[in-house]
Protein backbone atom coordinates (compact mmCIF):
# COMPACT_ATOMS: atom_id res chain seq x y z
CA MET A 1 0.01 0.39 0.00
CA ALA A 2 3.33 1.96 -0.30
CA GLY A 3 1.48 5.97 -1.24
CA GLU A 4 -1.97 5.19 -0.20
CA ASN A 5 -3.66 8.10 1.68
CA LEU A 6 -5.47 6.82 3.82
CA LEU A 7 -6.78 9.61 5.95
CA GLY A 8 -7.60 11.46 2.84
CA ILE A 9 -5.82 14.39 3.49
CA PRO A 10 -4.46 15.76 0.67
CA GLU A 11 -1.37 15.97 -0.76
CA THR A 12 1.31 18.88 -0.34
CA LEU A 13 2.92 20.47 -2.92
CA LEU A 14 5.41 22.34 -2.86
CA PRO A 15 6.86 25.21 -5.86
CA GLU A 16 9.39 24.25 -8.06
CA GLU A 17 12.66 26.23 -6.98
CA THR A 18 13.20 27.57 -10.86
CA ASP A 19 15.86 29.76 -9.84
CA VAL A 20 17.35 27.38 -7.59
CA LEU A 21 17.42 24.45 -10.09
CA ALA A 22 18.87 26.72 -13.08
CA ARG A 23 21.79 27.84 -10.89
CA LEU A 24 22.71 24.51 -10.03
CA ASP A 25 22.63 23.38 -13.23
CA ALA A 26 24.97 26.34 -14.25
CA GLY A 27 27.52 24.67 -12.11
CA ASP A 28 26.77 27.20 -8.69
CA GLU A 29 27.79 25.57 -5.54
CA PRO A 30 25.57 25.32 -2.86
CA LEU A 31 27.33 26.54 -0.51
CA ASP A 32 27.39 30.35 -2.54
CA LEU A 33 23.12 29.35 -3.12
CA ALA A 34 22.61 29.05 0.69
CA ALA A 35 22.84 32.01 1.21
CA LYS A 36 21.33 33.49 -1.94
CA PHE A 37 18.18 31.27 -1.32
CA PRO A 38 18.11 30.53 2.37
CA SER A 39 14.83 28.89 2.00
CA SER A 40 15.61 26.58 0.35
CA SER A 41 15.39 22.98 1.53
CA LEU A 42 16.79 21.15 -1.32
CA VAL A 43 20.53 24.19 -0.79
CA TRP A 44 20.76 23.09 2.83
CA ALA A 45 20.27 19.39 1.70
CA LEU A 46 22.62 19.37 -0.67
CA LEU A 47 24.92 20.55 1.88
CA ALA A 48 24.42 18.38 4.50
CA ASN A 49 24.65 15.52 1.96
CA GLU A 50 28.45 17.43 1.11
CA ALA A 51 29.26 17.25 4.74
CA HIS A 52 27.98 13.71 5.79
CA THR A 53 29.99 12.39 2.71
CA GLU A 54 33.02 14.50 4.21
CA GLY A 55 33.28 12.79 7.59
CA ARG A 56 31.69 16.53 8.72
CA THR A 57 28.99 15.13 11.34
CA VAL A 58 27.96 18.11 13.06
CA GLU A 59 28.61 20.36 10.24
CA SER A 60 25.84 17.69 8.24
CA TYR A 61 23.60 17.96 10.70
CA ALA A 62 23.22 21.24 11.20
CA PHE A 63 22.66 22.08 7.68
CA ALA A 64 19.61 19.23 7.65
CA ARG A 65 17.96 20.77 10.97
CA VAL A 66 18.17 24.22 9.10
CA GLY A 67 16.28 22.37 5.44
CA TYR A 68 14.19 20.43 7.60
CA HIS A 69 12.74 23.93 9.38
CA ARG A 70 12.88 26.12 5.64
CA GLY A 71 10.96 23.40 4.39
CA LEU A 72 8.01 23.19 7.54
CA ASP A 73 8.04 26.91 6.64
CA SER A 74 7.51 26.08 3.22
CA LEU A 75 4.63 23.40 3.51
CA ARG A 76 3.10 26.11 5.61
CA LYS A 77 2.55 27.94 2.96
CA SER A 78 1.83 25.52 1.01
CA GLY A 79 -1.02 24.87 2.93
CA TRP A 80 0.43 22.17 5.31
CA ARG A 81 -1.06 21.85 8.48
CA GLY A 82 0.78 19.52 10.03
CA GLN A 83 0.30 16.26 8.36
CA GLY A 84 -0.80 14.38 5.54
CA PRO A 85 1.01 13.67 1.83
CA VAL A 86 4.59 15.30 0.90
CA PRO A 87 4.55 13.35 -2.29
CA TRP A 88 8.55 12.07 -3.30
CA ARG A 89 6.85 11.92 -7.23
CA HIS A 90 6.49 15.73 -7.07
CA GLU A 91 10.23 17.08 -7.29
CA PRO A 92 10.01 20.44 -5.50
CA ASN A 93 9.30 17.90 -2.33
CA ARG A 94 12.06 16.23 -2.64
CA GLY A 95 14.54 18.59 -1.71
CA PHE A 96 12.50 18.96 2.10
CA LEU A 97 12.72 15.31 2.40
CA ARG A 98 15.86 14.46 1.33
CA SER A 99 17.16 17.25 4.84
CA LEU A 100 13.74 15.07 6.86
CA TYR A 101 16.58 12.03 5.96
CA ALA A 102 20.08 13.75 6.22
CA LEU A 103 18.20 14.69 9.24
CA GLY A 104 17.53 11.39 10.68
CA ARG A 105 21.24 9.86 9.29
CA ALA A 106 23.09 12.56 11.15
CA ALA A 107 20.85 12.22 13.99
CA ALA A 108 21.32 8.49 14.38
CA ALA A 109 25.77 9.53 13.88
CA ILE A 110 25.08 11.89 17.47
CA GLY A 111 23.29 9.46 19.04
CA GLU A 112 20.12 11.44 19.16
CA ALA A 113 18.06 8.13 19.55
CA GLU A 114 15.08 9.98 20.35
CA GLU A 115 15.26 12.62 17.18
CA VAL A 116 16.21 9.37 15.09
CA GLU A 117 12.52 7.83 15.77
CA ARG A 118 10.48 10.80 15.58
CA ILE A 119 12.58 11.37 12.29
CA GLU A 120 11.65 8.36 9.98
CA LYS A 121 8.51 8.31 10.81
CA PHE A 122 7.55 11.70 9.73
CA LEU A 123 9.89 11.08 7.08
CA ASN A 124 7.59 7.73 6.26
CA ASP A 125 4.36 9.35 7.03
CA SER A 126 5.67 11.59 3.80
CA ASP A 127 5.65 9.21 1.46
CA SER A 128 6.60 5.33 2.54
CA SER A 129 9.16 5.73 -0.90
CA ALA A 130 10.97 8.18 0.16
CA LYS A 131 13.40 6.78 2.34
CA GLY A 132 14.15 3.91 -0.37
CA SER A 133 14.01 6.59 -3.35
CA ILE A 134 16.87 8.89 -1.74
CA GLU A 135 19.38 5.74 -0.65
CA ALA A 136 18.78 4.58 -4.56
CA GLU A 137 20.23 7.62 -5.24
């Protein structure tokens, strides 16, 4: 039953970040884009992944937390009321979902077990296919 919305709560679909995507496609670095587009969860997720890959766990945690909170702001602006699907299949949602995943990964690395459980539930409740899709990338 992956992706089935049993509660009947409408999906939240974030707006496309055309300027951010264009700058990334042009080769701009996420660190530079964070200063220009601080509300972009995608940029913060990319920074979290970069820090994680380089073994900078605390920085990865911090970047992911910013992306998570900026994503919550964006979700609320898009009508989200604290619950309901945030589908992975909708490309603009992926920055938030990637930040959420990165936050859980970094929380696990620093021993924040309670946060890991909360984040895993939130990610699964948002879209049960998101974790597998992110890990497959």
